[in-house]
């Protein structure tokens, strides 16, 4: 089965469904190692969420 980058990102809580179709198309081309980097970054940011959250959220 081919790697599904969007499903992998979605499964770890990345809000990929809020992205435009064009943005989703870009994220869909990510490799497993690239998705793993994003997932590790998200985990680190989530661990310090109260200190790292801003007043507004802008999705890429």
Protein backbone atom coordinates (compact mmCIF):
# COMPACT_ATOMS: atom_id res chain seq x y z
CA UNK A 1 0.00 0.00 0.00
CA UNK A 2 1.45 3.41 -0.91
CA UNK A 3 2.22 5.93 1.82
CA UNK A 4 -0.64 8.38 2.47
CA UNK A 5 0.97 11.53 3.82
CA UNK A 6 -2.32 13.32 4.48
CA UNK A 7 -3.70 10.39 6.48
CA UNK A 8 -0.46 10.16 8.47
CA UNK A 9 -0.56 13.88 9.25
CA UNK A 10 -4.27 13.80 10.04
CA UNK A 11 -3.74 10.84 12.34
CA UNK A 12 -1.36 12.83 14.53
CA UNK A 13 -3.60 15.87 14.75
CA UNK A 14 -2.39 18.10 11.94
CA UNK A 15 -5.41 20.07 10.65
CA UNK A 16 -4.78 19.21 7.00
CA UNK A 17 -8.50 19.28 6.20
CA UNK A 18 -8.48 23.03 6.80
CA UNK A 19 -5.92 23.57 4.03
CA UNK A 20 -6.85 24.55 0.51
CA UNK A 21 -6.89 21.86 -2.17
CA UNK A 22 -3.62 23.23 -3.55
CA UNK A 23 -1.97 23.14 -0.13
CA UNK A 24 -3.24 19.61 0.50
CA UNK A 25 -1.78 18.55 -2.84
CA UNK A 26 1.64 19.75 -1.71
CA UNK A 27 1.41 18.00 1.64
CA UNK A 28 0.22 14.82 -0.10
CA UNK A 29 3.59 14.59 -1.85
CA UNK A 30 5.60 14.46 1.38
CA UNK A 31 7.68 11.37 2.03
CA UNK A 32 7.50 9.31 5.21
CA UNK A 33 10.69 10.90 6.61
CA UNK A 34 9.33 14.40 5.90
CA UNK A 35 6.06 13.59 7.66
CA UNK A 36 8.00 12.17 10.59
CA UNK A 37 9.86 15.49 10.94
CA UNK A 38 6.58 17.41 10.99
CA UNK A 39 5.14 14.97 13.53
CA UNK A 40 8.17 15.32 15.80
CA UNK A 41 7.98 19.12 15.58
CA UNK A 42 4.27 19.04 16.40
CA UNK A 43 4.90 16.78 19.40
CA UNK A 44 7.57 19.13 20.72
CA UNK A 45 5.35 22.18 20.25
CA UNK A 46 2.38 20.41 21.85
CA UNK A 47 4.56 19.60 24.86
CA UNK A 48 5.06 23.32 25.50
CA UNK A 49 1.69 24.45 24.15
CA UNK A 50 0.80 26.96 26.88
CA UNK A 51 4.13 28.73 26.44
CA UNK A 52 4.25 28.48 22.65
CA UNK A 53 0.69 29.32 21.61
CA UNK A 54 -0.02 32.71 20.15
CA UNK A 55 -3.19 34.73 20.25
CA UNK A 56 -4.20 33.69 16.77
CA UNK A 57 -3.67 30.64 14.65
CA UNK A 58 -2.73 30.87 11.01
CA UNK A 59 -2.77 27.63 9.09
CA UNK A 60 -0.15 27.43 6.36
